[in-house]
Amino acid sequence: ACLVRVPTEVVKQRLQAGQHSSLTAVLRQTHSAE
């Protein structure tokens, strides 16, 4: 299950913690940086 759950958990928690302003922003910046 974690093969599916972890990517969504990373995106979700970074949005919850206010690190990014939108879903597209966290997807783009996470992929760009890491």
PDB file of all heavy atoms in Angstrom:
ATOM      1  N   ALA A   1       0.818  -1.214   0.000  1.00  0.00           N
ATOM      2  CA  ALA A   1       0.000   0.000   0.000  1.00  0.00           C
ATOM      3  C   ALA A   1       0.851   1.263   0.000  1.00  0.00           C
ATOM      4  O   ALA A   1       0.474   2.277  -0.602  1.00  0.00           O
ATOM      5  CB  ALA A   1      -0.925   0.000   1.213  1.00  0.00           C
ATOM      6  N   CYS A   2       2.004   1.219   0.656  1.00  0.00           N
ATOM      7  CA  CYS A   2       2.859   2.404   0.741  1.00  0.00           C
ATOM      8  C   CYS A   2       3.434   2.813  -0.614  1.00  0.00           C
ATOM      9  O   CYS A   2       3.826   3.973  -0.797  1.00  0.00           O
ATOM     10  CB  CYS A   2       3.984   2.182   1.747  1.00  0.00           C
ATOM     11  SG  CYS A   2       3.442   2.352   3.466  1.00  0.00           S
ATOM     12  N   LEU A   3       3.498   1.882  -1.547  1.00  0.00           N
ATOM     13  CA  LEU A   3       3.952   2.235  -2.893  1.00  0.00           C
ATOM     14  C   LEU A   3       3.018   3.267  -3.520  1.00  0.00           C
ATOM     15  O   LEU A   3       3.438   4.103  -4.318  1.00  0.00           O
ATOM     16  CB  LEU A   3       4.011   0.983  -3.774  1.00  0.00           C
ATOM     17  CG  LEU A   3       5.085  -0.042  -3.408  1.00  0.00           C
ATOM     18  CD1 LEU A   3       4.905  -1.315  -4.231  1.00  0.00           C
ATOM     19  CD2 LEU A   3       6.482   0.538  -3.614  1.00  0.00           C
ATOM     20  N   VAL A   4       1.753   3.204  -3.151  1.00  0.00           N
ATOM     21  CA  VAL A   4       0.761   4.168  -3.638  1.00  0.00           C
ATOM     22  C   VAL A   4       0.595   5.323  -2.661  1.00  0.00           C
ATOM     23  O   VAL A   4       0.469   6.489  -3.041  1.00  0.00           O
ATOM     24  CB  VAL A   4      -0.603   3.470  -3.847  1.00  0.00           C
ATOM     25  CG1 VAL A   4      -1.655   4.472  -4.296  1.00  0.00           C
ATOM     26  CG2 VAL A   4      -0.471   2.336  -4.852  1.00  0.00           C
ATOM     27  N   ARG A   5       0.639   5.013  -1.374  1.00  0.00           N
ATOM     28  CA  ARG A   5       0.289   5.985  -0.337  1.00  0.00           C
ATOM     29  C   ARG A   5       1.351   7.050  -0.105  1.00  0.00           C
ATOM     30  O   ARG A   5       1.017   8.217   0.142  1.00  0.00           O
ATOM     31  CB  ARG A   5       0.029   5.231   0.975  1.00  0.00           C
ATOM     32  CG  ARG A   5      -0.535   6.093   2.091  1.00  0.00           C
ATOM     33  CD  ARG A   5      -0.705   5.259   3.344  1.00  0.00           C
ATOM     34  NE  ARG A   5      -1.620   4.147   3.137  1.00  0.00           N
ATOM     35  CZ  ARG A   5      -1.524   2.971   3.759  1.00  0.00           C
ATOM     36  NH1 ARG A   5      -0.531   2.767   4.608  1.00  0.00           N
ATOM     37  NH2 ARG A   5      -2.407   2.025   3.517  1.00  0.00           N
ATOM     38  N   VAL A   6       2.630   6.684  -0.177  1.00  0.00           N
ATOM     39  CA  VAL A   6       3.694   7.625   0.195  1.00  0.00           C
ATOM     40  C   VAL A   6       3.751   8.867  -0.701  1.00  0.00           C
ATOM     41  O   VAL A   6       3.835   9.991  -0.177  1.00  0.00           O
ATOM     42  CB  VAL A   6       5.064   6.908   0.249  1.00  0.00           C
ATOM     43  CG1 VAL A   6       6.210   7.914   0.328  1.00  0.00           C
ATOM     44  CG2 VAL A   6       5.117   5.974   1.448  1.00  0.00           C
ATOM     45  N   PRO A   7       3.695   8.736  -2.034  1.00  0.00           N
ATOM     46  CA  PRO A   7       3.718   9.967  -2.847  1.00  0.00           C
ATOM     47  C   PRO A   7       2.589  10.933  -2.504  1.00  0.00           C
ATOM     48  O   PRO A   7       2.810  12.150  -2.425  1.00  0.00           O
ATOM     49  CB  PRO A   7       3.588   9.436  -4.284  1.00  0.00           C
ATOM     50  CG  PRO A   7       4.134   8.048  -4.225  1.00  0.00           C
ATOM     51  CD  PRO A   7       3.714   7.526  -2.883  1.00  0.00           C
ATOM     52  N   THR A   8       1.394  10.418  -2.299  1.00  0.00           N
ATOM     53  CA  THR A   8       0.282  11.294  -1.947  1.00  0.00           C
ATOM     54  C   THR A   8       0.446  11.856  -0.542  1.00  0.00           C
ATOM     55  O   THR A   8       0.029  12.983  -0.258  1.00  0.00           O
ATOM     56  CB  THR A   8      -1.061  10.551  -2.051  1.00  0.00           C
ATOM     57  OG1 THR A   8      -1.058   9.428  -1.168  1.00  0.00           O
ATOM     58  CG2 THR A   8      -1.297  10.058  -3.469  1.00  0.00           C
ATOM     59  N   GLU A   9       1.064  11.083   0.348  1.00  0.00           N
ATOM     60  CA  GLU A   9       1.299  11.556   1.713  1.00  0.00           C
ATOM     61  C   GLU A   9       2.314  12.690   1.726  1.00  0.00           C
ATOM     62  O   GLU A   9       2.165  13.675   2.472  1.00  0.00           O
ATOM     63  CB  GLU A   9       1.799  10.388   2.576  1.00  0.00           C
ATOM     64  CG  GLU A   9       1.860  10.683   4.055  1.00  0.00           C
ATOM     65  CD  GLU A   9       0.514  10.590   4.752  1.00  0.00           C
ATOM     66  OE1 GLU A   9      -0.503  10.306   4.081  1.00  0.00           O
ATOM     67  OE2 GLU A   9       0.481  10.813   5.965  1.00  0.00           O
ATOM     68  N   VAL A  10       3.362  12.585   0.909  1.00  0.00           N
ATOM     69  CA  VAL A  10       4.365  13.651   0.807  1.00  0.00           C
ATOM     70  C   VAL A  10       3.714  14.946   0.333  1.00  0.00           C
ATOM     71  O   VAL A  10       3.902  16.015   0.923  1.00  0.00           O
ATOM     72  CB  VAL A  10       5.499  13.238  -0.155  1.00  0.00           C
ATOM     73  CG1 VAL A  10       6.407  14.434  -0.471  1.00  0.00           C
ATOM     74  CG2 VAL A  10       6.337  12.114   0.451  1.00  0.00           C
ATOM     75  N   VAL A  11       2.953  14.846  -0.745  1.00  0.00           N
ATOM     76  CA  VAL A  11       2.270  16.023  -1.296  1.00  0.00           C
ATOM     77  C   VAL A  11       1.291  16.597  -0.274  1.00  0.00           C
ATOM     78  O   VAL A  11       1.260  17.814  -0.023  1.00  0.00           O
ATOM     79  CB  VAL A  11       1.531  15.658  -2.596  1.00  0.00           C
ATOM     80  CG1 VAL A  11       0.656  16.817  -3.065  1.00  0.00           C
ATOM     81  CG2 VAL A  11       2.533  15.281  -3.684  1.00  0.00           C
ATOM     82  N   LYS A  12       0.504  15.739   0.330  1.00  0.00           N
ATOM     83  CA  LYS A  12      -0.511  16.167   1.296  1.00  0.00           C
ATOM     84  C   LYS A  12       0.104  16.892   2.479  1.00  0.00           C
ATOM     85  O   LYS A  12      -0.355  17.976   2.868  1.00  0.00           O
ATOM     86  CB  LYS A  12      -1.291  14.950   1.790  1.00  0.00           C
ATOM     87  CG  LYS A  12      -2.378  15.272   2.795  1.00  0.00           C
ATOM     88  CD  LYS A  12      -2.877  14.010   3.478  1.00  0.00           C
ATOM     89  CE  LYS A  12      -1.851  13.514   4.494  1.00  0.00           C
ATOM     90  NZ  LYS A  12      -2.362  12.380   5.301  1.00  0.00           N
ATOM     91  N   GLN A  13       1.158  16.334   3.061  1.00  0.00           N
ATOM     92  CA  GLN A  13       1.725  16.926   4.268  1.00  0.00           C
ATOM     93  C   GLN A  13       2.442  18.240   3.977  1.00  0.00           C
ATOM     94  O   GLN A  13       2.452  19.137   4.819  1.00  0.00           O
ATOM     95  CB  GLN A  13       2.660  15.929   4.953  1.00  0.00           C
ATOM     96  CG  GLN A  13       1.918  14.746   5.550  1.00  0.00           C
ATOM     97  CD  GLN A  13       2.708  14.032   6.620  1.00  0.00           C
ATOM     98  OE1 GLN A  13       3.930  13.962   6.575  1.00  0.00           O
ATOM     99  NE2 GLN A  13       2.011  13.488   7.595  1.00  0.00           N
ATOM    100  N   ARG A  14       3.036  18.371   2.809  1.00  0.00           N
ATOM    101  CA  ARG A  14       3.680  19.641   2.473  1.00  0.00           C
ATOM    102  C   ARG A  14       2.650  20.737   2.247  1.00  0.00           C
ATOM    103  O   ARG A  14       2.910  21.912   2.533  1.00  0.00           O
ATOM    104  CB  ARG A  14       4.592  19.453   1.255  1.00  0.00           C
ATOM    105  CG  ARG A  14       5.807  18.599   1.596  1.00  0.00           C
ATOM    106  CD  ARG A  14       6.787  18.420   0.469  1.00  0.00           C
ATOM    107  NE  ARG A  14       7.912  17.583   0.915  1.00  0.00           N
ATOM    108  CZ  ARG A  14       8.989  17.315   0.187  1.00  0.00           C
ATOM    109  NH1 ARG A  14       9.087  17.790  -1.043  1.00  0.00           N
ATOM    110  NH2 ARG A  14       9.947  16.558   0.670  1.00  0.00           N
ATOM    111  N   LEU A  15       1.481  20.367   1.750  1.00  0.00           N
ATOM    112  CA  LEU A  15       0.393  21.337   1.639  1.00  0.00           C
ATOM    113  C   LEU A  15      -0.180  21.668   3.015  1.00  0.00           C
ATOM    114  O   LEU A  15      -0.474  22.824   3.321  1.00  0.00           O
ATOM    115  CB  LEU A  15      -0.705  20.786   0.729  1.00  0.00           C
ATOM    116  CG  LEU A  15      -0.411  20.804  -0.777  1.00  0.00           C
ATOM    117  CD1 LEU A  15      -1.454  19.978  -1.527  1.00  0.00           C
ATOM    118  CD2 LEU A  15      -0.371  22.225  -1.315  1.00  0.00           C
ATOM    119  N   GLN A  16      -0.331  20.655   3.862  1.00  0.00           N
ATOM    120  CA  GLN A  16      -0.870  20.876   5.200  1.00  0.00           C
ATOM    121  C   GLN A  16       0.023  21.778   6.032  1.00  0.00           C
ATOM    122  O   GLN A  16      -0.462  22.579   6.843  1.00  0.00           O
ATOM    123  CB  GLN A  16      -1.046  19.532   5.921  1.00  0.00           C
ATOM    124  CG  GLN A  16      -2.201  18.688   5.402  1.00  0.00           C
ATOM    125  CD  GLN A  16      -2.255  17.336   6.081  1.00  0.00           C
ATOM    126  OE1 GLN A  16      -1.221  16.762   6.442  1.00  0.00           O
ATOM    127  NE2 GLN A  16      -3.451  16.813   6.256  1.00  0.00           N
ATOM    128  N   ALA A  17       1.334  21.642   5.857  1.00  0.00           N
ATOM    129  CA  ALA A  17       2.284  22.423   6.648  1.00  0.00           C
ATOM    130  C   ALA A  17       2.534  23.808   6.063  1.00  0.00           C
ATOM    131  O   ALA A  17       3.333  24.584   6.600  1.00  0.00           O
ATOM    132  CB  ALA A  17       3.611  21.671   6.768  1.00  0.00           C
ATOM    133  N   GLY A  18       1.866  24.130   4.955  1.00  0.00           N
ATOM    134  CA  GLY A  18       1.980  25.453   4.364  1.00  0.00           C
ATOM    135  C   GLY A  18       3.267  25.694   3.608  1.00  0.00           C
ATOM    136  O   GLY A  18       3.647  26.843   3.360  1.00  0.00           O
ATOM    137  N   GLN A  19       3.964  24.620   3.193  1.00  0.00           N
ATOM    138  CA  GLN A  19       5.213  24.787   2.450  1.00  0.00           C
ATOM    139  C   GLN A  19       4.956  25.208   1.005  1.00  0.00           C
ATOM    140  O   GLN A  19       5.832  25.781   0.362  1.00  0.00           O
ATOM    141  CB  GLN A  19       6.027  23.497   2.482  1.00  0.00           C
ATOM    142  CG  GLN A  19       6.577  23.149   3.849  1.00  0.00           C
ATOM    143  CD  GLN A  19       7.476  21.927   3.819  1.00  0.00           C
ATOM    144  OE1 GLN A  19       7.657  21.288   2.779  1.00  0.00           O
ATOM    145  NE2 GLN A  19       8.047  21.587   4.957  1.00  0.00           N
ATOM    146  N   HIS A  20       3.780  24.895   0.484  1.00  0.00           N
ATOM    147  CA  HIS A  20       3.423  25.249  -0.889  1.00  0.00           C
ATOM    148  C   HIS A  20       1.976  25.739  -0.910  1.00  0.00           C
ATOM    149  O   HIS A  20       1.170  25.377  -0.049  1.00  0.00           O
ATOM    150  CB  HIS A  20       3.592  24.046  -1.825  1.00  0.00           C
ATOM    151  CG  HIS A  20       4.985  23.479  -1.816  1.00  0.00           C
ATOM    152  ND1 HIS A  20       6.010  24.016  -2.555  1.00  0.00           N
ATOM    153  CD2 HIS A  20       5.513  22.425  -1.146  1.00  0.00           C
ATOM    154  CE1 HIS A  20       7.119  23.317  -2.349  1.00  0.00           C
ATOM    155  NE2 HIS A  20       6.846  22.343  -1.497  1.00  0.00           N
ATOM    156  N   SER A  21       1.653  26.517  -1.932  1.00  0.00           N
ATOM    157  CA  SER A  21       0.341  27.154  -1.986  1.00  0.00           C
ATOM    158  C   SER A  21      -0.717  26.354  -2.724  1.00  0.00           C
ATOM    159  O   SER A  21      -1.914  26.603  -2.553  1.00  0.00           O
ATOM    160  CB  SER A  21       0.464  28.531  -2.641  1.00  0.00           C
ATOM    161  OG  SER A  21       1.003  28.409  -3.962  1.00  0.00           O
ATOM    162  N   SER A  22      -0.300  25.409  -3.563  1.00  0.00           N
ATOM    163  CA  SER A  22      -1.272  24.658  -4.356  1.00  0.00           C
ATOM    164  C   SER A  22      -0.721  23.285  -4.699  1.00  0.00           C
ATOM    165  O   SER A  22       0.484  23.025  -4.562  1.00  0.00           O
ATOM    166  CB  SER A  22      -1.614  25.406  -5.649  1.00  0.00           C
ATOM    167  OG  SER A  22      -0.484  25.443  -6.515  1.00  0.00           O
ATOM    168  N   LEU A  23      -1.613  22.404  -5.167  1.00  0.00           N
ATOM    169  CA  LEU A  23      -1.209  21.056  -5.558  1.00  0.00           C
ATOM    170  C   LEU A  23      -0.211  21.088  -6.698  1.00  0.00           C
ATOM    171  O   LEU A  23       0.801  20.379  -6.670  1.00  0.00           O
ATOM    172  CB  LEU A  23      -2.448  20.241  -5.953  1.00  0.00           C
ATOM    173  CG  LEU A  23      -2.204  18.812  -6.458  1.00  0.00           C
ATOM    174  CD1 LEU A  23      -1.498  17.974  -5.410  1.00  0.00           C
ATOM    175  CD2 LEU A  23      -3.528  18.167  -6.873  1.00  0.00           C
ATOM    176  N   THR A  24      -0.463  21.929  -7.706  1.00  0.00           N
ATOM    177  CA  THR A  24       0.458  21.993  -8.840  1.00  0.00           C
ATOM    178  C   THR A  24       1.823  22.531  -8.418  1.00  0.00           C
ATOM    179  O   THR A  24       2.859  22.095  -8.931  1.00  0.00           O
ATOM    180  CB  THR A  24      -0.120  22.884  -9.957  1.00  0.00           C
ATOM    181  OG1 THR A  24      -0.460  24.171  -9.418  1.00  0.00           O
ATOM    182  CG2 THR A  24      -1.363  22.253 -10.563  1.00  0.00           C
ATOM    183  N   ALA A  25       1.827  23.457  -7.452  1.00  0.00           N
ATOM    184  CA  ALA A  25       3.094  24.030  -6.981  1.00  0.00           C
ATOM    185  C   ALA A  25       3.940  22.987  -6.270  1.00  0.00           C
ATOM    186  O   ALA A  25       5.154  22.891  -6.503  1.00  0.00           O
ATOM    187  CB  ALA A  25       2.819  25.213  -6.057  1.00  0.00           C
ATOM    188  N   VAL A  26       3.329  22.194  -5.403  1.00  0.00           N
ATOM    189  CA  VAL A  26       4.112  21.192  -4.679  1.00  0.00           C
ATOM    190  C   VAL A  26       4.591  20.098  -5.623  1.00  0.00           C
ATOM    191  O   VAL A  26       5.718  19.599  -5.482  1.00  0.00           O
ATOM    192  CB  VAL A  26       3.299  20.605  -3.492  1.00  0.00           C
ATOM    193  CG1 VAL A  26       2.148  19.742  -3.956  1.00  0.00           C
ATOM    194  CG2 VAL A  26       4.213  19.776  -2.584  1.00  0.00           C
ATOM    195  N   LEU A  27       3.786  19.729  -6.606  1.00  0.00           N
ATOM    196  CA  LEU A  27       4.219  18.733  -7.581  1.00  0.00           C
ATOM    197  C   LEU A  27       5.408  19.240  -8.389  1.00  0.00           C
ATOM    198  O   LEU A  27       6.409  18.530  -8.565  1.00  0.00           O
ATOM    199  CB  LEU A  27       3.063  18.376  -8.523  1.00  0.00           C
ATOM    200  CG  LEU A  27       1.899  17.581  -7.927  1.00  0.00           C
ATOM    201  CD1 LEU A  27       0.755  17.471  -8.936  1.00  0.00           C
ATOM    202  CD2 LEU A  27       2.352  16.185  -7.495  1.00  0.00           C
ATOM    203  N   ARG A  28       5.301  20.456  -8.866  1.00  0.00           N
ATOM    204  CA  ARG A  28       6.354  21.030  -9.698  1.00  0.00           C
ATOM    205  C   ARG A  28       7.644  21.250  -8.902  1.00  0.00           C
ATOM    206  O   ARG A  28       8.739  20.874  -9.355  1.00  0.00           O
ATOM    207  CB  ARG A  28       5.870  22.362 -10.288  1.00  0.00           C
ATOM    208  CG  ARG A  28       6.868  23.001 -11.245  1.00  0.00           C
ATOM    209  CD  ARG A  28       6.289  24.252 -11.908  1.00  0.00           C
ATOM    210  NE  ARG A  28       5.910  25.273 -10.919  1.00  0.00           N
ATOM    211  CZ  ARG A  28       4.669  25.561 -10.602  1.00  0.00           C
ATOM    212  NH1 ARG A  28       3.657  24.919 -11.161  1.00  0.00           N
ATOM    213  NH2 ARG A  28       4.399  26.513  -9.699  1.00  0.00           N
ATOM    214  N   GLN A  29       7.532  21.818  -7.710  1.00  0.00           N
ATOM    215  CA  GLN A  29       8.730  22.150  -6.953  1.00  0.00           C
ATOM    216  C   GLN A  29       9.400  20.912  -6.359  1.00  0.00           C
ATOM    217  O   GLN A  29      10.626  20.853  -6.271  1.00  0.00           O
ATOM    218  CB  GLN A  29       8.370  23.160  -5.857  1.00  0.00           C
ATOM    219  CG  GLN A  29       7.974  24.527  -6.425  1.00  0.00           C
ATOM    220  CD  GLN A  29       7.593  25.520  -5.342  1.00  0.00           C
ATOM    221  OE1 GLN A  29       8.141  25.504  -4.251  1.00  0.00           O
ATOM    222  NE2 GLN A  29       6.632  26.388  -5.637  1.00  0.00           N
ATOM    223  N   THR A  30       8.603  19.925  -5.949  1.00  0.00           N
ATOM    224  CA  THR A  30       9.188  18.691  -5.431  1.00  0.00           C
ATOM    225  C   THR A  30       9.951  17.966  -6.528  1.00  0.00           C
ATOM    226  O   THR A  30      11.078  17.490  -6.329  1.00  0.00           O
ATOM    227  CB  THR A  30       8.102  17.765  -4.848  1.00  0.00           C
ATOM    228  OG1 THR A  30       7.448  18.436  -3.769  1.00  0.00           O
ATOM    229  CG2 THR A  30       8.708  16.455  -4.333  1.00  0.00           C
ATOM    230  N   HIS A  31       9.358  17.877  -7.717  1.00  0.00           N
ATOM    231  CA  HIS A  31      10.020  17.216  -8.835  1.00  0.00           C
ATOM    232  C   HIS A  31      11.263  17.972  -9.266  1.00  0.00           C
ATOM    233  O   HIS A  31      12.301  17.376  -9.576  1.00  0.00           O
ATOM    234  CB  HIS A  31       9.050  17.078 -10.009  1.00  0.00           C
ATOM    235  CG  HIS A  31       9.631  16.332 -11.176  1.00  0.00           C
ATOM    236  ND1 HIS A  31      10.286  16.957 -12.217  1.00  0.00           N
ATOM    237  CD2 HIS A  31       9.687  14.993 -11.444  1.00  0.00           C
ATOM    238  CE1 HIS A  31      10.713  16.056 -13.077  1.00  0.00           C
ATOM    239  NE2 HIS A  31      10.351  14.859 -12.638  1.00  0.00           N
ATOM    240  N   SER A  32      11.185  19.313  -9.260  1.00  0.00           N
ATOM    241  CA  SER A  32      12.323  20.127  -9.671  1.00  0.00           C
ATOM    242  C   SER A  32      13.493  19.998  -8.705  1.00  0.00           C
ATOM    243  O   SER A  32      14.652  19.902  -9.116  1.00  0.00           O
ATOM    244  CB  SER A  32      11.886  21.590  -9.772  1.00  0.00           C
ATOM    245  OG  SER A  32      12.987  22.425 -10.052  1.00  0.00           O
ATOM    246  N   ALA A  33      13.212  19.997  -7.411  1.00  0.00           N
ATOM    247  CA  ALA A  33      14.269  19.977  -6.397  1.00  0.00           C
ATOM    248  C   ALA A  33      14.795  18.575  -6.095  1.00  0.00           C
ATOM    249  O   ALA A  33      15.977  18.400  -5.798  1.00  0.00           O
ATOM    250  CB  ALA A  33      13.758  20.622  -5.109  1.00  0.00           C
ATOM    251  N   GLU A  34      13.932  17.563  -6.176  1.00  0.00           N
ATOM    252  CA  GLU A  34      14.327  16.230  -5.720  1.00  0.00           C
ATOM    253  C   GLU A  34      14.094  15.117  -6.734  1.00  0.00           C
ATOM    254  O   GLU A  34      14.467  13.964  -6.477  1.00  0.00           O
ATOM    255  CB  GLU A  34      13.560  15.893  -4.427  1.00  0.00           C
ATOM    256  CG  GLU A  34      13.750  16.920  -3.324  1.00  0.00           C
ATOM    257  CD  GLU A  34      12.881  16.641  -2.116  1.00  0.00           C
ATOM    258  OE1 GLU A  34      13.098  15.609  -1.458  1.00  0.00           O
ATOM    259  OE2 GLU A  34      11.966  17.441  -1.849  1.00  0.00           O
TER     260      GLU A  34
END
